[in-house]
Amino acid sequence: MKKIEAIIRPGKLEDIKNALAKYNVHGLTITQVMGCGKQKGKTEYYRGAVVELTLLQKLKVEIVAADNDVDNIIRIICDAARTGEIGDGKIFIYDIENVYRIRTGESGDIAI
């Protein structure tokens, strides 16, 4: 099992959710996060003063999936989140040792 962690633009969440739903991926965790990378923030004007915003709002999408589904999920997320501009995000993959469903006590792939 793998944990897929994608940092994305907030405006792309619905596109990603809809694309994943077509592949029958429904178990998502979404967290509002702030960060910066090559995008380096943006400049805004507030009451006539220049304000440098170095941390931008992003969303973190977390999915735990069976090993054989990971490549397809990554492709789906990339296709749905891509704008071609700096700041589209990143995807990180982690190994998951086990997962347990609290309600039933099931474990392993069946509990995803």
N, C-alpha and C. Protein backbone atom coordinates (compact mmCIF):
# COMPACT_ATOMS: atom_id res chain seq x y z
N MET A 1 0.84 -1.18 0.00
CA MET A 1 0.00 0.00 0.00
C MET A 1 0.88 1.23 0.00
N LYS A 2 0.34 2.28 -0.59
CA LYS A 2 1.05 3.56 -0.67
C LYS A 2 0.12 4.69 -0.24
N LYS A 3 0.73 5.72 0.30
CA LYS A 3 0.01 6.96 0.58
C LYS A 3 0.45 7.96 -0.48
N ILE A 4 -0.51 8.52 -1.17
CA ILE A 4 -0.27 9.53 -2.19
C ILE A 4 -0.64 10.87 -1.57
N GLU A 5 0.30 11.78 -1.55
CA GLU A 5 0.08 13.10 -0.97
C GLU A 5 0.34 14.13 -2.08
N ALA A 6 -0.69 14.84 -2.47
CA ALA A 6 -0.58 15.81 -3.56
C ALA A 6 -0.85 17.21 -3.02
N ILE A 7 0.05 18.13 -3.31
CA ILE A 7 -0.13 19.53 -2.97
C ILE A 7 -0.58 20.21 -4.26
N ILE A 8 -1.78 20.81 -4.23
CA ILE A 8 -2.39 21.31 -5.46
C ILE A 8 -2.92 22.73 -5.27
N ARG A 9 -3.27 23.35 -6.41
CA ARG A 9 -3.96 24.63 -6.39
C ARG A 9 -5.39 24.41 -5.88
N PRO A 10 -5.90 25.30 -5.02
CA PRO A 10 -7.26 25.11 -4.51
C PRO A 10 -8.32 25.03 -5.62
N GLY A 11 -8.14 25.76 -6.68
CA GLY A 11 -9.12 25.78 -7.76
C GLY A 11 -9.20 24.49 -8.56
N LYS A 12 -8.28 23.56 -8.33
CA LYS A 12 -8.26 22.30 -9.08
C LYS A 12 -8.87 21.13 -8.32
N LEU A 13 -9.33 21.37 -7.08
CA LEU A 13 -9.85 20.28 -6.26
C LEU A 13 -11.04 19.57 -6.91
N GLU A 14 -12.01 20.31 -7.39
CA GLU A 14 -13.20 19.68 -7.98
C GLU A 14 -12.84 18.87 -9.22
N ASP A 15 -11.91 19.38 -10.03
CA ASP A 15 -11.47 18.63 -11.22
C ASP A 15 -10.84 17.30 -10.80
N ILE A 16 -10.01 17.34 -9.76
CA ILE A 16 -9.35 16.13 -9.29
C ILE A 16 -10.36 15.16 -8.69
N LYS A 17 -11.27 15.65 -7.85
CA LYS A 17 -12.28 14.78 -7.24
C LYS A 17 -13.13 14.10 -8.31
N ASN A 18 -13.56 14.86 -9.32
CA ASN A 18 -14.39 14.28 -10.39
C ASN A 18 -13.62 13.24 -11.19
N ALA A 19 -12.36 13.53 -11.49
CA ALA A 19 -11.54 12.58 -12.26
C ALA A 19 -11.29 11.31 -11.46
N LEU A 20 -11.01 11.44 -10.17
CA LEU A 20 -10.78 10.26 -9.33
C LEU A 20 -12.07 9.45 -9.14
N ALA A 21 -13.21 10.12 -9.06
CA ALA A 21 -14.49 9.41 -8.90
C ALA A 21 -14.77 8.51 -10.09
N LYS A 22 -14.37 8.93 -11.29
CA LYS A 22 -14.55 8.09 -12.48
C LYS A 22 -13.73 6.81 -12.39
N TYR A 23 -12.63 6.85 -11.62
CA TYR A 23 -11.77 5.68 -11.42
C TYR A 23 -12.15 4.94 -10.13
N ASN A 24 -13.26 5.32 -9.51
CA ASN A 24 -13.76 4.74 -8.27
C ASN A 24 -12.82 4.93 -7.08
N VAL A 25 -12.15 6.08 -7.04
CA VAL A 25 -11.36 6.47 -5.88
C VAL A 25 -12.17 7.51 -5.14
N HIS A 26 -12.66 7.15 -3.95
CA HIS A 26 -13.53 8.05 -3.20
C HIS A 26 -12.95 8.42 -1.84
N GLY A 27 -11.96 7.69 -1.35
CA GLY A 27 -11.39 7.95 -0.04
C GLY A 27 -10.30 9.00 -0.10
N LEU A 28 -10.66 10.24 0.22
CA LEU A 28 -9.71 11.36 0.18
C LEU A 28 -9.70 12.07 1.52
N THR A 29 -8.57 12.63 1.86
CA THR A 29 -8.49 13.57 2.97
C THR A 29 -7.93 14.86 2.40
N ILE A 30 -8.61 15.97 2.68
CA ILE A 30 -8.22 17.28 2.15
C ILE A 30 -7.85 18.18 3.33
N THR A 31 -6.71 18.84 3.21
CA THR A 31 -6.25 19.77 4.25
C THR A 31 -5.85 21.08 3.59
N GLN A 32 -6.25 22.20 4.18
CA GLN A 32 -5.79 23.50 3.69
C GLN A 32 -4.40 23.74 4.25
N VAL A 33 -3.45 24.05 3.36
CA VAL A 33 -2.07 24.28 3.76
C VAL A 33 -1.57 25.56 3.11
N MET A 34 -0.43 26.03 3.55
CA MET A 34 0.21 27.18 2.92
C MET A 34 1.66 26.79 2.64
N GLY A 35 2.20 27.30 1.55
CA GLY A 35 3.58 26.96 1.24
C GLY A 35 4.10 27.78 0.09
N CYS A 36 5.36 27.52 -0.21
CA CYS A 36 5.99 28.19 -1.35
C CYS A 36 7.02 27.25 -1.95
N GLY A 37 7.31 27.48 -3.18
CA GLY A 37 8.30 26.71 -3.91
C GLY A 37 8.89 27.63 -4.96
N LYS A 38 8.98 27.14 -6.19
CA LYS A 38 9.50 27.98 -7.27
C LYS A 38 8.59 29.16 -7.58
N GLN A 39 7.33 29.04 -7.21
CA GLN A 39 6.37 30.11 -7.47
C GLN A 39 6.73 31.37 -6.68
N LYS A 40 7.32 31.21 -5.51
CA LYS A 40 7.86 32.28 -4.66
C LYS A 40 6.83 33.32 -4.22
N GLY A 41 5.58 33.01 -4.24
CA GLY A 41 4.58 33.96 -3.75
C GLY A 41 4.15 34.95 -4.82
N LYS A 42 3.51 36.03 -4.35
CA LYS A 42 3.03 37.04 -5.28
C LYS A 42 2.99 38.39 -4.58
N THR A 43 2.91 39.42 -5.38
CA THR A 43 2.84 40.79 -4.86
C THR A 43 1.42 41.29 -4.97
N GLU A 44 0.92 41.86 -3.88
CA GLU A 44 -0.41 42.46 -3.88
C GLU A 44 -0.31 43.85 -3.30
N TYR A 45 -1.33 44.64 -3.56
CA TYR A 45 -1.40 45.99 -3.01
C TYR A 45 -2.53 46.05 -2.01
N TYR A 46 -2.23 46.53 -0.82
CA TYR A 46 -3.22 46.65 0.24
C TYR A 46 -3.19 48.08 0.75
N ARG A 47 -4.27 48.81 0.53
CA ARG A 47 -4.37 50.22 0.92
C ARG A 47 -3.20 51.04 0.42
N GLY A 48 -2.82 50.77 -0.82
CA GLY A 48 -1.76 51.54 -1.46
C GLY A 48 -0.36 51.08 -1.14
N ALA A 49 -0.19 50.11 -0.26
CA ALA A 49 1.13 49.61 0.10
C ALA A 49 1.38 48.26 -0.59
N VAL A 50 2.61 48.03 -0.97
CA VAL A 50 2.99 46.77 -1.60
C VAL A 50 3.18 45.73 -0.50
N VAL A 51 2.54 44.58 -0.68
CA VAL A 51 2.64 43.48 0.28
C VAL A 51 3.13 42.25 -0.47
N GLU A 52 4.23 41.66 -0.01
CA GLU A 52 4.76 40.43 -0.61
C GLU A 52 4.18 39.23 0.14
N LEU A 53 3.40 38.43 -0.56
CA LEU A 53 2.84 37.20 0.02
C LEU A 53 3.74 36.04 -0.39
N THR A 54 4.55 35.55 0.54
CA THR A 54 5.50 34.49 0.19
C THR A 54 4.93 33.10 0.41
N LEU A 55 3.92 32.98 1.23
CA LEU A 55 3.25 31.69 1.43
C LEU A 55 1.89 31.74 0.77
N LEU A 56 1.67 30.83 -0.15
CA LEU A 56 0.41 30.79 -0.89
C LEU A 56 -0.48 29.66 -0.40
N GLN A 57 -1.79 29.87 -0.50
CA GLN A 57 -2.73 28.83 -0.09
C GLN A 57 -2.72 27.70 -1.11
N LYS A 58 -2.63 26.49 -0.59
CA LYS A 58 -2.69 25.27 -1.39
C LYS A 58 -3.59 24.29 -0.65
N LEU A 59 -3.87 23.17 -1.30
CA LEU A 59 -4.60 22.08 -0.67
C LEU A 59 -3.73 20.83 -0.71
N LYS A 60 -3.80 20.05 0.37
CA LYS A 60 -3.10 18.77 0.39
C LYS A 60 -4.17 17.69 0.28
N VAL A 61 -4.04 16.86 -0.73
CA VAL A 61 -4.95 15.73 -0.96
C VAL A 61 -4.20 14.46 -0.60
N GLU A 62 -4.76 13.68 0.32
CA GLU A 62 -4.12 12.44 0.75
C GLU A 62 -5.01 11.26 0.39
N ILE A 63 -4.38 10.24 -0.20
CA ILE A 63 -5.09 9.03 -0.62
C ILE A 63 -4.22 7.84 -0.24
N VAL A 64 -4.80 6.82 0.36
CA VAL A 64 -4.10 5.55 0.57
C VAL A 64 -4.67 4.57 -0.44
N ALA A 65 -3.78 3.94 -1.20
CA ALA A 65 -4.22 3.07 -2.30
C ALA A 65 -3.39 1.80 -2.36
N ALA A 66 -3.95 0.79 -2.99
CA ALA A 66 -3.21 -0.44 -3.25
C ALA A 66 -2.09 -0.15 -4.23
N ASP A 67 -1.00 -0.90 -4.12
CA ASP A 67 0.18 -0.65 -4.95
C ASP A 67 -0.14 -0.62 -6.44
N ASN A 68 -1.03 -1.50 -6.90
CA ASN A 68 -1.32 -1.57 -8.34
C ASN A 68 -2.18 -0.41 -8.85
N ASP A 69 -2.74 0.41 -7.95
CA ASP A 69 -3.54 1.56 -8.37
C ASP A 69 -2.76 2.87 -8.38
N VAL A 70 -1.57 2.89 -7.79
CA VAL A 70 -0.84 4.14 -7.57
C VAL A 70 -0.52 4.86 -8.87
N ASP A 71 0.02 4.17 -9.86
CA ASP A 71 0.41 4.84 -11.11
C ASP A 71 -0.79 5.50 -11.79
N ASN A 72 -1.94 4.81 -11.80
CA ASN A 72 -3.14 5.39 -12.42
C ASN A 72 -3.62 6.62 -11.65
N ILE A 73 -3.59 6.56 -10.32
CA ILE A 73 -4.03 7.69 -9.51
C ILE A 73 -3.12 8.90 -9.73
N ILE A 74 -1.82 8.66 -9.79
CA ILE A 74 -0.88 9.76 -10.05
C ILE A 74 -1.16 10.39 -11.41
N ARG A 75 -1.37 9.56 -12.42
CA ARG A 75 -1.66 10.08 -13.76
C ARG A 75 -2.94 10.91 -13.76
N ILE A 76 -3.97 10.42 -13.08
CA ILE A 76 -5.25 11.13 -13.01
C ILE A 76 -5.08 12.48 -12.33
N ILE A 77 -4.36 12.50 -11.21
CA ILE A 77 -4.14 13.76 -10.49
C ILE A 77 -3.35 14.74 -11.35
N CYS A 78 -2.28 14.26 -11.97
CA CYS A 78 -1.46 15.14 -12.82
C CYS A 78 -2.28 15.73 -13.97
N ASP A 79 -3.05 14.89 -14.64
CA ASP A 79 -3.86 15.37 -15.77
C ASP A 79 -4.90 16.40 -15.32
N ALA A 80 -5.52 16.17 -14.17
CA ALA A 80 -6.59 17.06 -13.70
C ALA A 80 -6.04 18.35 -13.08
N ALA A 81 -4.84 18.31 -12.51
CA ALA A 81 -4.30 19.47 -11.79
C ALA A 81 -3.41 20.35 -12.65
N ARG A 82 -2.97 19.86 -13.78
CA ARG A 82 -1.97 20.58 -14.59
C ARG A 82 -2.57 21.81 -15.28
N THR A 83 -1.90 22.96 -15.08
CA THR A 83 -2.23 24.18 -15.82
C THR A 83 -1.07 24.56 -16.73
N GLY A 84 0.10 24.01 -16.46
CA GLY A 84 1.30 24.36 -17.22
C GLY A 84 2.05 25.54 -16.64
N GLU A 85 1.55 26.09 -15.56
CA GLU A 85 2.18 27.25 -14.91
C GLU A 85 2.94 26.80 -13.67
N ILE A 86 3.92 27.60 -13.26
CA ILE A 86 4.62 27.34 -12.00
C ILE A 86 3.58 27.40 -10.88
N GLY A 87 3.68 26.46 -9.94
CA GLY A 87 2.74 26.42 -8.82
C GLY A 87 1.66 25.38 -8.95
N ASP A 88 1.75 24.50 -9.96
CA ASP A 88 0.75 23.44 -10.12
C ASP A 88 0.80 22.44 -8.97
N GLY A 89 1.95 22.27 -8.34
CA GLY A 89 2.03 21.42 -7.15
C GLY A 89 3.02 20.29 -7.28
N LYS A 90 2.95 19.40 -6.30
CA LYS A 90 3.85 18.25 -6.21
C LYS A 90 3.05 17.06 -5.71
N ILE A 91 3.58 15.85 -6.01
CA ILE A 91 3.01 14.61 -5.49
C ILE A 91 4.12 13.84 -4.80
N PHE A 92 3.82 13.37 -3.59
CA PHE A 92 4.77 12.58 -2.81
C PHE A 92 4.14 11.21 -2.56
N ILE A 93 4.97 10.17 -2.57
CA ILE A 93 4.51 8.80 -2.37
C ILE A 93 5.22 8.21 -1.16
N TYR A 94 4.45 7.63 -0.23
CA TYR A 94 4.99 7.02 0.98
C TYR A 94 4.55 5.57 1.06
N ASP A 95 5.40 4.73 1.62
CA ASP A 95 5.00 3.35 1.91
C ASP A 95 4.11 3.32 3.14
N ILE A 96 3.07 2.50 3.10
CA ILE A 96 2.17 2.30 4.23
C ILE A 96 2.30 0.84 4.67
N GLU A 97 2.60 0.64 5.92
CA GLU A 97 2.79 -0.72 6.43
C GLU A 97 1.46 -1.47 6.54
N ASN A 98 0.45 -0.79 7.07
CA ASN A 98 -0.86 -1.44 7.22
C ASN A 98 -1.91 -0.37 7.45
N VAL A 99 -3.16 -0.74 7.27
CA VAL A 99 -4.29 0.15 7.54
C VAL A 99 -5.37 -0.68 8.23
N TYR A 100 -6.07 -0.05 9.17
CA TYR A 100 -7.14 -0.73 9.90
C TYR A 100 -8.42 0.08 9.79
N ARG A 101 -9.52 -0.59 9.54
CA ARG A 101 -10.82 0.06 9.56
C ARG A 101 -11.35 -0.06 10.99
N ILE A 102 -11.57 1.06 11.62
CA ILE A 102 -11.96 1.08 13.02
C ILE A 102 -13.30 0.38 13.25
N ARG A 103 -14.26 0.65 12.39
CA ARG A 103 -15.62 0.13 12.58
C ARG A 103 -15.66 -1.39 12.60
N THR A 104 -14.91 -2.05 11.68
CA THR A 104 -15.01 -3.51 11.53
C THR A 104 -13.79 -4.27 12.02
N GLY A 105 -12.68 -3.56 12.19
CA GLY A 105 -11.44 -4.24 12.56
C GLY A 105 -10.69 -4.83 11.39
N GLU A 106 -11.22 -4.67 10.16
CA GLU A 106 -10.53 -5.20 8.99
C GLU A 106 -9.19 -4.50 8.82
N SER A 107 -8.25 -5.22 8.19
CA SER A 107 -6.94 -4.62 7.96
C SER A 107 -6.45 -4.97 6.57
N GLY A 108 -5.42 -4.26 6.14
CA GLY A 108 -4.84 -4.51 4.82
C GLY A 108 -5.63 -3.82 3.71
N ASP A 109 -5.44 -4.32 2.49
CA ASP A 109 -6.07 -3.70 1.31
C ASP A 109 -7.60 -3.62 1.44
N ILE A 110 -8.21 -4.60 2.09
CA ILE A 110 -9.67 -4.63 2.23
C ILE A 110 -10.17 -3.43 3.05
N ALA A 111 -9.31 -2.86 3.90
CA ALA A 111 -9.72 -1.76 4.77
C ALA A 111 -9.54 -0.39 4.12
N ILE A 112 -8.99 -0.35 2.93
CA ILE A 112 -8.79 0.95 2.26
C ILE A 112 -10.13 1.53 1.86
